[in-house]
Amino acid sequence: EKDGEAKKPTIIYDGGPHAILYRNKEQTVLLDYLDEQAREPLTKIKQVLVAEFKEDGETFVREYDVPVKQMKQLPLPSEGIMTPEKAAEEIEKFMERQGKKP
């Protein structure tokens, strides 16, 4: 669940492991590590239904239709997106340098 309403939302996708949801002018959501079985169908559809839930994963908040736009390449860092495991390692290293435990 995100704060506020989705206004003119759009998903952009390039056929790879990530997509970007522009939810409104102030909110962008990285849809990272898409399941491989979802990637090809996502390159062929024009619209998806987005459903938002509370953090518990069970309480439904809202749903809305979102057009999908295809791009040659997403505007993401050339070095790619860090995996959750790599991000945890980097946080731990940073905290150690700061003299703190995560």
PDB file of N, CA and C in Angstrom:
ATOM      1  N   GLU A   1       0.844  -1.175   0.000  1.00  0.00           N
ATOM      2  CA  GLU A   1       0.000   0.000   0.000  1.00  0.00           C
ATOM      3  C   GLU A   1       0.891   1.239   0.000  1.00  0.00           C
ATOM      4  N   LYS A   2       0.534   2.177  -0.835  1.00  0.00           N
ATOM      5  CA  LYS A   2       1.225   3.456  -0.895  1.00  0.00           C
ATOM      6  C   LYS A   2       0.262   4.550  -0.464  1.00  0.00           C
ATOM      7  N   ASP A   3       0.817   5.630   0.082  1.00  0.00           N
ATOM      8  CA  ASP A   3      -0.008   6.770   0.464  1.00  0.00           C
ATOM      9  C   ASP A   3      -0.545   7.466  -0.774  1.00  0.00           C
ATOM     10  N   GLY A   4      -1.743   7.999  -0.669  1.00  0.00           N
ATOM     11  CA  GLY A   4      -2.320   8.762  -1.760  1.00  0.00           C
ATOM     12  C   GLY A   4      -2.891   7.891  -2.862  1.00  0.00           C
ATOM     13  N   GLU A   5      -3.507   8.566  -3.795  1.00  0.00           N
ATOM     14  CA  GLU A   5      -4.142   7.874  -4.917  1.00  0.00           C
ATOM     15  C   GLU A   5      -3.197   7.764  -6.104  1.00  0.00           C
ATOM     16  N   ALA A   6      -3.421   6.758  -6.913  1.00  0.00           N
ATOM     17  CA  ALA A   6      -2.707   6.628  -8.179  1.00  0.00           C
ATOM     18  C   ALA A   6      -3.394   7.557  -9.176  1.00  0.00           C
ATOM     19  N   LYS A   7      -2.610   8.454  -9.783  1.00  0.00           N
ATOM     20  CA  LYS A   7      -3.158   9.393 -10.763  1.00  0.00           C
ATOM     21  C   LYS A   7      -2.413   9.222 -12.067  1.00  0.00           C
ATOM     22  N   LYS A   8      -3.135   8.766 -13.091  1.00  0.00           N
ATOM     23  CA  LYS A   8      -2.542   8.480 -14.400  1.00  0.00           C
ATOM     24  C   LYS A   8      -1.339   7.536 -14.274  1.00  0.00           C
ATOM     25  N   PRO A   9      -1.506   6.408 -13.580  1.00  0.00           N
ATOM     26  CA  PRO A   9      -0.375   5.492 -13.417  1.00  0.00           C
ATOM     27  C   PRO A   9       0.015   4.856 -14.750  1.00  0.00           C
ATOM     28  N   THR A  10       1.296   4.506 -14.862  1.00  0.00           N
ATOM     29  CA  THR A  10       1.817   3.839 -16.043  1.00  0.00           C
ATOM     30  C   THR A  10       2.935   2.908 -15.609  1.00  0.00           C
ATOM     31  N   ILE A  11       3.003   1.743 -16.231  1.00  0.00           N
ATOM     32  CA  ILE A  11       4.130   0.835 -16.038  1.00  0.00           C
ATOM     33  C   ILE A  11       4.954   0.877 -17.306  1.00  0.00           C
ATOM     34  N   ILE A  12       6.287   1.006 -17.148  1.00  0.00           N
ATOM     35  CA  ILE A  12       7.169   0.872 -18.299  1.00  0.00           C
ATOM     36  C   ILE A  12       7.981  -0.401 -18.121  1.00  0.00           C
ATOM     37  N   TYR A  13       8.226  -1.079 -19.252  1.00  0.00           N
ATOM     38  CA  TYR A  13       8.867  -2.389 -19.188  1.00  0.00           C
ATOM     39  C   TYR A  13       9.720  -2.611 -20.430  1.00  0.00           C
ATOM     40  N   ASP A  14      10.859  -3.275 -20.247  1.00  0.00           N
ATOM     41  CA  ASP A  14      11.760  -3.539 -21.365  1.00  0.00           C
ATOM     42  C   ASP A  14      11.999  -5.025 -21.628  1.00  0.00           C
ATOM     43  N   GLY A  15      11.229  -5.887 -20.986  1.00  0.00           N
ATOM     44  CA  GLY A  15      11.380  -7.322 -21.197  1.00  0.00           C
ATOM     45  C   GLY A  15      12.329  -8.004 -20.231  1.00  0.00           C
ATOM     46  N   GLY A  16      12.965  -7.243 -19.362  1.00  0.00           N
ATOM     47  CA  GLY A  16      13.942  -7.789 -18.424  1.00  0.00           C
ATOM     48  C   GLY A  16      13.349  -8.117 -17.065  1.00  0.00           C
ATOM     49  N   PRO A  17      14.212  -8.197 -16.047  1.00  0.00           N
ATOM     50  CA  PRO A  17      13.764  -8.615 -14.720  1.00  0.00           C
ATOM     51  C   PRO A  17      13.053  -7.539 -13.902  1.00  0.00           C
ATOM     52  N   HIS A  18      13.055  -6.278 -14.402  1.00  0.00           N
ATOM     53  CA  HIS A  18      12.468  -5.186 -13.634  1.00  0.00           C
ATOM     54  C   HIS A  18      11.477  -4.402 -14.490  1.00  0.00           C
ATOM     55  N   ALA A  19      10.549  -3.740 -13.838  1.00  0.00           N
ATOM     56  CA  ALA A  19       9.632  -2.801 -14.480  1.00  0.00           C
ATOM     57  C   ALA A  19       9.499  -1.620 -13.526  1.00  0.00           C
ATOM     58  N   ILE A  20       8.975  -0.511 -14.035  1.00  0.00           N
ATOM     59  CA  ILE A  20       8.791   0.670 -13.200  1.00  0.00           C
ATOM     60  C   ILE A  20       7.334   1.093 -13.272  1.00  0.00           C
ATOM     61  N   LEU A  21       6.730   1.287 -12.104  1.00  0.00           N
ATOM     62  CA  LEU A  21       5.375   1.809 -12.005  1.00  0.00           C
ATOM     63  C   LEU A  21       5.473   3.281 -11.611  1.00  0.00           C
ATOM     64  N   TYR A  22       5.033   4.142 -12.523  1.00  0.00           N
ATOM     65  CA  TYR A  22       4.894   5.558 -12.189  1.00  0.00           C
ATOM     66  C   TYR A  22       3.479   5.694 -11.661  1.00  0.00           C
ATOM     67  N   ARG A  23       3.344   5.745 -10.333  1.00  0.00           N
ATOM     68  CA  ARG A  23       2.037   5.722  -9.671  1.00  0.00           C
ATOM     69  C   ARG A  23       1.331   7.066  -9.752  1.00  0.00           C
ATOM     70  N   ASN A  24       2.075   8.120  -9.581  1.00  0.00           N
ATOM     71  CA  ASN A  24       1.595   9.494  -9.753  1.00  0.00           C
ATOM     72  C   ASN A  24       2.833  10.365  -9.914  1.00  0.00           C
ATOM     73  N   LYS A  25       2.676  11.674  -9.951  1.00  0.00           N
ATOM     74  CA  LYS A  25       3.823  12.561 -10.181  1.00  0.00           C
ATOM     75  C   LYS A  25       4.895  12.446  -9.107  1.00  0.00           C
ATOM     76  N   GLU A  26       4.513  12.083  -7.900  1.00  0.00           N
ATOM     77  CA  GLU A  26       5.458  12.026  -6.783  1.00  0.00           C
ATOM     78  C   GLU A  26       5.928  10.619  -6.434  1.00  0.00           C
ATOM     79  N   GLN A  27       5.309   9.576  -6.980  1.00  0.00           N
ATOM     80  CA  GLN A  27       5.640   8.218  -6.550  1.00  0.00           C
ATOM     81  C   GLN A  27       6.011   7.319  -7.725  1.00  0.00           C
ATOM     82  N   THR A  28       7.190   6.726  -7.600  1.00  0.00           N
ATOM     83  CA  THR A  28       7.669   5.745  -8.556  1.00  0.00           C
ATOM     84  C   THR A  28       7.975   4.474  -7.776  1.00  0.00           C
ATOM     85  N   VAL A  29       7.535   3.337  -8.294  1.00  0.00           N
ATOM     86  CA  VAL A  29       7.736   2.063  -7.605  1.00  0.00           C
ATOM     87  C   VAL A  29       8.511   1.130  -8.539  1.00  0.00           C
ATOM     88  N   LEU A  30       9.659   0.641  -8.063  1.00  0.00           N
ATOM     89  CA  LEU A  30      10.427  -0.333  -8.829  1.00  0.00           C
ATOM     90  C   LEU A  30       9.807  -1.713  -8.608  1.00  0.00           C
ATOM     91  N   LEU A  31       9.399  -2.336  -9.677  1.00  0.00           N
ATOM     92  CA  LEU A  31       8.881  -3.703  -9.621  1.00  0.00           C
ATOM     93  C   LEU A  31      10.064  -4.596  -9.977  1.00  0.00           C
ATOM     94  N   ASP A  32      10.781  -5.037  -8.968  1.00  0.00           N
ATOM     95  CA  ASP A  32      12.041  -5.721  -9.213  1.00  0.00           C
ATOM     96  C   ASP A  32      11.932  -7.233  -9.153  1.00  0.00           C
ATOM     97  N   TYR A  33      12.832  -7.858  -9.872  1.00  0.00           N
ATOM     98  CA  TYR A  33      12.963  -9.313  -9.923  1.00  0.00           C
ATOM     99  C   TYR A  33      11.636  -9.992 -10.273  1.00  0.00           C
ATOM    100  N   LEU A  34      11.058  -9.580 -11.398  1.00  0.00           N
ATOM    101  CA  LEU A  34       9.818 -10.187 -11.872  1.00  0.00           C
ATOM    102  C   LEU A  34      10.043 -11.661 -12.165  1.00  0.00           C
ATOM    103  N   ASP A  35       9.072 -12.468 -11.838  1.00  0.00           N
ATOM    104  CA  ASP A  35       9.149 -13.899 -12.110  1.00  0.00           C
ATOM    105  C   ASP A  35       9.370 -14.113 -13.605  1.00  0.00           C
ATOM    106  N   GLU A  36      10.260 -15.031 -13.946  1.00  0.00           N
ATOM    107  CA  GLU A  36      10.585 -15.286 -15.357  1.00  0.00           C
ATOM    108  C   GLU A  36       9.354 -15.658 -16.178  1.00  0.00           C
ATOM    109  N   GLN A  37       8.380 -16.331 -15.581  1.00  0.00           N
ATOM    110  CA  GLN A  37       7.179 -16.723 -16.312  1.00  0.00           C
ATOM    111  C   GLN A  37       6.277 -15.526 -16.614  1.00  0.00           C
ATOM    112  N   ALA A  38       6.448 -14.431 -15.899  1.00  0.00           N
ATOM    113  CA  ALA A  38       5.622 -13.239 -16.125  1.00  0.00           C
ATOM    114  C   ALA A  38       6.226 -12.300 -17.164  1.00  0.00           C
ATOM    115  N   ARG A  39       7.503 -12.448 -17.451  1.00  0.00           N
ATOM    116  CA  ARG A  39       8.198 -11.487 -18.306  1.00  0.00           C
ATOM    117  C   ARG A  39       7.681 -11.462 -19.739  1.00  0.00           C
ATOM    118  N   GLU A  40       7.605 -12.604 -20.398  1.00  0.00           N
ATOM    119  CA  GLU A  40       7.138 -12.619 -21.787  1.00  0.00           C
ATOM    120  C   GLU A  40       5.700 -12.122 -21.910  1.00  0.00           C
ATOM    121  N   PRO A  41       4.768 -12.611 -21.079  1.00  0.00           N
ATOM    122  CA  PRO A  41       3.402 -12.082 -21.177  1.00  0.00           C
ATOM    123  C   PRO A  41       3.340 -10.564 -20.950  1.00  0.00           C
ATOM    124  N   LEU A  42       4.188 -10.048 -20.068  1.00  0.00           N
ATOM    125  CA  LEU A  42       4.177  -8.617 -19.796  1.00  0.00           C
ATOM    126  C   LEU A  42       4.630  -7.802 -21.010  1.00  0.00           C
ATOM    127  N   THR A  43       5.402  -8.406 -21.905  1.00  0.00           N
ATOM    128  CA  THR A  43       5.822  -7.699 -23.123  1.00  0.00           C
ATOM    129  C   THR A  43       4.696  -7.631 -24.153  1.00  0.00           C
ATOM    130  N   LYS A  44       3.633  -8.405 -23.950  1.00  0.00           N
ATOM    131  CA  LYS A  44       2.573  -8.503 -24.960  1.00  0.00           C
ATOM    132  C   LYS A  44       1.256  -7.848 -24.551  1.00  0.00           C
ATOM    133  N   ILE A  45       1.118  -7.477 -23.291  1.00  0.00           N
ATOM    134  CA  ILE A  45      -0.162  -6.930 -22.842  1.00  0.00           C
ATOM    135  C   ILE A  45      -0.128  -5.400 -22.833  1.00  0.00           C
ATOM    136  N   LYS A  46      -1.300  -4.820 -22.844  1.00  0.00           N
ATOM    137  CA  LYS A  46      -1.415  -3.362 -22.878  1.00  0.00           C
ATOM    138  C   LYS A  46      -1.829  -2.776 -21.529  1.00  0.00           C
ATOM    139  N   GLN A  47      -2.293  -3.637 -20.614  1.00  0.00           N
ATOM    140  CA  GLN A  47      -2.802  -3.132 -19.338  1.00  0.00           C
ATOM    141  C   GLN A  47      -2.733  -4.232 -18.282  1.00  0.00           C
ATOM    142  N   VAL A  48      -2.492  -3.837 -17.025  1.00  0.00           N
ATOM    143  CA  VAL A  48      -2.527  -4.772 -15.901  1.00  0.00           C
ATOM    144  C   VAL A  48      -3.425  -4.203 -14.815  1.00  0.00           C
ATOM    145  N   LEU A  49      -3.887  -5.067 -13.942  1.00  0.00           N
ATOM    146  CA  LEU A  49      -4.655  -4.671 -12.776  1.00  0.00           C
ATOM    147  C   LEU A  49      -3.700  -4.690 -11.589  1.00  0.00           C
ATOM    148  N   VAL A  50      -3.506  -3.550 -10.954  1.00  0.00           N
ATOM    149  CA  VAL A  50      -2.644  -3.448  -9.771  1.00  0.00           C
ATOM    150  C   VAL A  50      -3.535  -3.489  -8.535  1.00  0.00           C
ATOM    151  N   ALA A  51      -3.178  -4.332  -7.594  1.00  0.00           N
ATOM    152  CA  ALA A  51      -3.900  -4.424  -6.326  1.00  0.00           C
ATOM    153  C   ALA A  51      -2.930  -4.062  -5.210  1.00  0.00           C
ATOM    154  N   GLU A  52      -3.363  -3.217  -4.305  1.00  0.00           N
ATOM    155  CA  GLU A  52      -2.540  -2.816  -3.175  1.00  0.00           C
ATOM    156  C   GLU A  52      -3.121  -3.399  -1.889  1.00  0.00           C
ATOM    157  N   PHE A  53      -2.217  -3.892  -1.050  1.00  0.00           N
ATOM    158  CA  PHE A  53      -2.584  -4.489   0.226  1.00  0.00           C
ATOM    159  C   PHE A  53      -1.785  -3.834   1.335  1.00  0.00           C
ATOM    160  N   LYS A  54      -2.283  -3.926   2.537  1.00  0.00           N
ATOM    161  CA  LYS A  54      -1.537  -3.456   3.715  1.00  0.00           C
ATOM    162  C   LYS A  54      -0.319  -4.364   3.897  1.00  0.00           C
ATOM    163  N   GLU A  55       0.593  -3.961   4.771  1.00  0.00           N
ATOM    164  CA  GLU A  55       1.823  -4.722   4.995  1.00  0.00           C
ATOM    165  C   GLU A  55       1.576  -6.160   5.423  1.00  0.00           C
ATOM    166  N   ASP A  56       0.422  -6.441   6.014  1.00  0.00           N
ATOM    167  CA  ASP A  56       0.127  -7.814   6.436  1.00  0.00           C
ATOM    168  C   ASP A  56      -0.073  -8.745   5.241  1.00  0.00           C
ATOM    169  N   GLY A  57      -0.196  -8.172   4.050  1.00  0.00           N
ATOM    170  CA  GLY A  57      -0.364  -8.969   2.840  1.00  0.00           C
ATOM    171  C   GLY A  57      -1.752  -9.535   2.656  1.00  0.00           C
ATOM    172  N   GLU A  58      -2.652  -9.242   3.570  1.00  0.00           N
ATOM    173  CA  GLU A  58      -3.994  -9.807   3.503  1.00  0.00           C
ATOM    174  C   GLU A  58      -5.099  -8.759   3.389  1.00  0.00           C
ATOM    175  N   THR A  59      -4.864  -7.579   3.928  1.00  0.00           N
ATOM    176  CA  THR A  59      -5.902  -6.552   3.952  1.00  0.00           C
ATOM    177  C   THR A  59      -5.867  -5.754   2.654  1.00  0.00           C
ATOM    178  N   PHE A  60      -6.916  -5.925   1.845  1.00  0.00           N
ATOM    179  CA  PHE A  60      -7.024  -5.241   0.564  1.00  0.00           C
ATOM    180  C   PHE A  60      -7.290  -3.757   0.774  1.00  0.00           C
ATOM    181  N   VAL A  61      -6.600  -2.908  -0.016  1.00  0.00           N
ATOM    182  CA  VAL A  61      -6.764  -1.464   0.098  1.00  0.00           C
ATOM    183  C   VAL A  61      -7.443  -0.887  -1.141  1.00  0.00           C
ATOM    184  N   ARG A  62      -6.879  -1.175  -2.327  1.00  0.00           N
ATOM    185  CA  ARG A  62      -7.440  -0.625  -3.565  1.00  0.00           C
ATOM    186  C   ARG A  62      -6.913  -1.390  -4.765  1.00  0.00           C
ATOM    187  N   GLU A  63      -7.583  -1.183  -5.896  1.00  0.00           N
ATOM    188  CA  GLU A  63      -7.116  -1.742  -7.168  1.00  0.00           C
ATOM    189  C   GLU A  63      -7.342  -0.699  -8.251  1.00  0.00           C
ATOM    190  N   TYR A  64      -6.528  -0.792  -9.308  1.00  0.00           N
ATOM    191  CA  TYR A  64      -6.677   0.143 -10.429  1.00  0.00           C
ATOM    192  C   TYR A  64      -5.999  -0.448 -11.663  1.00  0.00           C
ATOM    193  N   ASP A  65      -6.528  -0.103 -12.823  1.00  0.00           N
ATOM    194  CA  ASP A  65      -5.951  -0.533 -14.091  1.00  0.00           C
ATOM    195  C   ASP A  65      -4.786   0.382 -14.453  1.00  0.00           C
ATOM    196  N   VAL A  66      -3.721  -0.224 -14.986  1.00  0.00           N
ATOM    197  CA  VAL A  66      -2.528   0.535 -15.346  1.00  0.00           C
ATOM    198  C   VAL A  66      -2.082   0.121 -16.754  1.00  0.00           C
ATOM    199  N   PRO A  67      -1.935   1.090 -17.665  1.00  0.00           N
ATOM    200  CA  PRO A  67      -1.405   0.761 -18.979  1.00  0.00           C
ATOM    201  C   PRO A  67       0.073   0.368 -18.880  1.00  0.00           C
ATOM    202  N   VAL A  68       0.492  -0.536 -19.765  1.00  0.00           N
ATOM    203  CA  VAL A  68       1.884  -0.972 -19.824  1.00  0.00           C
ATOM    204  C   VAL A  68       2.487  -0.446 -21.115  1.00  0.00           C
ATOM    205  N   LYS A  69       3.585   0.280 -20.992  1.00  0.00           N
ATOM    206  CA  LYS A  69       4.304   0.831 -22.141  1.00  0.00           C
ATOM    207  C   LYS A  69       5.630   0.099 -22.280  1.00  0.00           C
ATOM    208  N   GLN A  70       5.942  -0.328 -23.486  1.00  0.00           N
ATOM    209  CA  GLN A  70       7.195  -1.033 -23.749  1.00  0.00           C
ATOM    210  C   GLN A  70       8.297  -0.027 -24.097  1.00  0.00           C
ATOM    211  N   MET A  71       9.499  -0.289 -23.582  1.00  0.00           N
ATOM    212  CA  MET A  71      10.670   0.544 -23.867  1.00  0.00           C
ATOM    213  C   MET A  71      11.817  -0.352 -24.293  1.00  0.00           C
ATOM    214  N   LYS A  72      12.810   0.230 -24.957  1.00  0.00           N
ATOM    215  CA  LYS A  72      14.014  -0.542 -25.292  1.00  0.00           C
ATOM    216  C   LYS A  72      14.841  -0.817 -24.049  1.00  0.00           C
ATOM    217  N   GLN A  73      14.930   0.189 -23.156  1.00  0.00           N
ATOM    218  CA  GLN A  73      15.725   0.032 -21.939  1.00  0.00           C
ATOM    219  C   GLN A  73      15.156   0.924 -20.843  1.00  0.00           C
ATOM    220  N   LEU A  74      15.002   0.361 -19.656  1.00  0.00           N
ATOM    221  CA  LEU A  74      14.507   1.131 -18.517  1.00  0.00           C
ATOM    222  C   LEU A  74      15.565   2.130 -18.047  1.00  0.00           C
ATOM    223  N   PRO A  75      15.137   3.259 -17.510  1.00  0.00           N
ATOM    224  CA  PRO A  75      16.094   4.235 -16.980  1.00  0.00           C
ATOM    225  C   PRO A  75      16.575   3.827 -15.584  1.00  0.00           C
ATOM    226  N   LEU A  76      17.419   2.801 -15.544  1.00  0.00           N
ATOM    227  CA  LEU A  76      17.954   2.271 -14.288  1.00  0.00           C
ATOM    228  C   LEU A  76      19.475   2.361 -14.320  1.00  0.00           C
ATOM    229  N   PRO A  77      20.141   2.279 -13.172  1.00  0.00           N
ATOM    230  CA  PRO A  77      21.605   2.342 -13.144  1.00  0.00           C
ATOM    231  C   PRO A  77      22.222   1.255 -14.014  1.00  0.00           C
ATOM    232  N   SER A  78      23.301   1.602 -14.718  1.00  0.00           N
ATOM    233  CA  SER A  78      23.945   0.637 -15.614  1.00  0.00           C
ATOM    234  C   SER A  78      24.498  -0.567 -14.864  1.00  0.00           C
ATOM    235  N   GLU A  79      24.867  -0.389 -13.584  1.00  0.00           N
ATOM    236  CA  GLU A  79      25.382  -1.514 -12.807  1.00  0.00           C
ATOM    237  C   GLU A  79      24.271  -2.415 -12.282  1.00  0.00           C
ATOM    238  N   GLY A  80      23.027  -2.059 -12.550  1.00  0.00           N
ATOM    239  CA  GLY A  80      21.902  -2.907 -12.192  1.00  0.00           C
ATOM    240  C   GLY A  80      21.381  -2.655 -10.784  1.00  0.00           C
ATOM    241  N   ILE A  81      20.407  -3.448 -10.422  1.00  0.00           N
ATOM    242  CA  ILE A  81      19.751  -3.347  -9.122  1.00  0.00           C
ATOM    243  C   ILE A  81      20.379  -4.381  -8.194  1.00  0.00           C
ATOM    244  N   MET A  82      20.674  -3.976  -6.979  1.00  0.00           N
ATOM    245  CA  MET A  82      21.265  -4.876  -5.998  1.00  0.00           C
ATOM    246  C   MET A  82      20.239  -5.907  -5.537  1.00  0.00           C
ATOM    247  N   THR A  83      20.664  -7.152  -5.415  1.00  0.00           N
ATOM    248  CA  THR A  83      19.775  -8.171  -4.871  1.00  0.00           C
ATOM    249  C   THR A  83      19.552  -7.881  -3.389  1.00  0.00           C
ATOM    250  N   PRO A  84      18.454  -8.386  -2.813  1.00  0.00           N
ATOM    251  CA  PRO A  84      18.236  -8.169  -1.369  1.00  0.00           C
ATOM    252  C   PRO A  84      19.395  -8.680  -0.517  1.00  0.00           C
ATOM    253  N   GLU A  85      19.988  -9.800  -0.913  1.00  0.00           N
ATOM    254  CA  GLU A  85      21.108 -10.369  -0.149  1.00  0.00           C
ATOM    255  C   GLU A  85      22.326  -9.441  -0.206  1.00  0.00           C
ATOM    256  N   LYS A  86      22.626  -8.924  -1.407  1.00  0.00           N
ATOM    257  CA  LYS A  86      23.763  -8.019  -1.566  1.00  0.00           C
ATOM    258  C   LYS A  86      23.511  -6.721  -0.801  1.00  0.00           C
ATOM    259  N   ALA A  87      22.287  -6.219  -0.826  1.00  0.00           N
ATOM    260  CA  ALA A  87      21.954  -5.003  -0.087  1.00  0.00           C
ATOM    261  C   ALA A  87      22.173  -5.213   1.410  1.00  0.00           C
ATOM    262  N   ALA A  88      21.779  -6.375   1.939  1.00  0.00           N
ATOM    263  CA  ALA A  88      21.981  -6.679   3.365  1.00  0.00           C
ATOM    264  C   ALA A  88      23.467  -6.693   3.706  1.00  0.00           C
ATOM    265  N   GLU A  89      24.292  -7.270   2.810  1.00  0.00           N
ATOM    266  CA  GLU A  89      25.745  -7.282   3.013  1.00  0.00           C
ATOM    267  C   GLU A  89      26.299  -5.862   3.062  1.00  0.00           C
ATOM    268  N   GLU A  90      25.870  -5.039   2.115  1.00  0.00           N
ATOM    269  CA  GLU A  90      26.356  -3.661   2.048  1.00  0.00           C
ATOM    270  C   GLU A  90      25.945  -2.859   3.285  1.00  0.00           C
ATOM    271  N   ILE A  91      24.741  -3.073   3.760  1.00  0.00           N
ATOM    272  CA  ILE A  91      24.280  -2.389   4.979  1.00  0.00           C
ATOM    273  C   ILE A  91      25.127  -2.818   6.166  1.00  0.00           C
ATOM    274  N   GLU A  92      25.389  -4.115   6.256  1.00  0.00           N
ATOM    275  CA  GLU A  92      26.203  -4.620   7.362  1.00  0.00           C
ATOM    276  C   GLU A  92      27.608  -4.021   7.329  1.00  0.00           C
ATOM    277  N   LYS A  93      28.223  -3.958   6.142  1.00  0.00           N
ATOM    278  CA  LYS A  93      29.557  -3.363   6.009  1.00  0.00           C
ATOM    279  C   LYS A  93      29.533  -1.889   6.410  1.00  0.00           C
ATOM    280  N   PHE A  94      28.530  -1.176   5.964  1.00  0.00           N
ATOM    281  CA  PHE A  94      28.406   0.244   6.289  1.00  0.00           C
ATOM    282  C   PHE A  94      28.281   0.439   7.796  1.00  0.00           C
ATOM    283  N   MET A  95      27.438  -0.360   8.432  1.00  0.00           N
ATOM    284  CA  MET A  95      27.224  -0.231   9.877  1.00  0.00           C
ATOM    285  C   MET A  95      28.509  -0.556  10.639  1.00  0.00           C
ATOM    286  N   GLU A  96      29.260  -1.545  10.165  1.00  0.00           N
ATOM    287  CA  GLU A  96      30.529  -1.883  10.812  1.00  0.00           C
ATOM    288  C   GLU A  96      31.518  -0.719  10.718  1.00  0.00           C
ATOM    289  N   ARG A  97      31.551  -0.059   9.547  1.00  0.00           N
ATOM    290  CA  ARG A  97      32.429   1.093   9.380  1.00  0.00           C
ATOM    291  C   ARG A  97      32.019   2.239  10.304  1.00  0.00           C
ATOM    292  N   GLN A  98      30.748   2.309  10.625  1.00  0.00           N
ATOM    293  CA  GLN A  98      30.249   3.353  11.511  1.00  0.00           C
ATOM    294  C   GLN A  98      30.373   2.962  12.981  1.00  0.00           C
ATOM    295  N   GLY A  99      30.846   1.734  13.227  1.00  0.00           N
ATOM    296  CA  GLY A  99      31.008   1.266  14.597  1.00  0.00           C
ATOM    297  C   GLY A  99      29.707   0.826  15.229  1.00  0.00           C
ATOM    298  N   LYS A 100      28.754   0.423  14.387  1.00  0.00           N
ATOM    299  CA  LYS A 100      27.446   0.001  14.878  1.00  0.00           C
ATOM    300  C   LYS A 100      27.121  -1.386  14.336  1.00  0.00           C
ATOM    301  N   LYS A 101      26.255  -2.066  15.022  1.00  0.00           N
ATOM    302  CA  LYS A 101      25.750  -3.364  14.555  1.00  0.00           C
ATOM    303  C   LYS A 101      24.386  -3.146  13.943  1.00  0.00           C
ATOM    304  N   PRO A 102      24.069  -3.821  12.813  1.00  0.00           N
ATOM    305  CA  PRO A 102      22.720  -3.678  12.226  1.00  0.00           C
ATOM    306  C   PRO A 102      21.652  -4.308  13.075  1.00  0.00           C
TER     307      PRO A 102
END
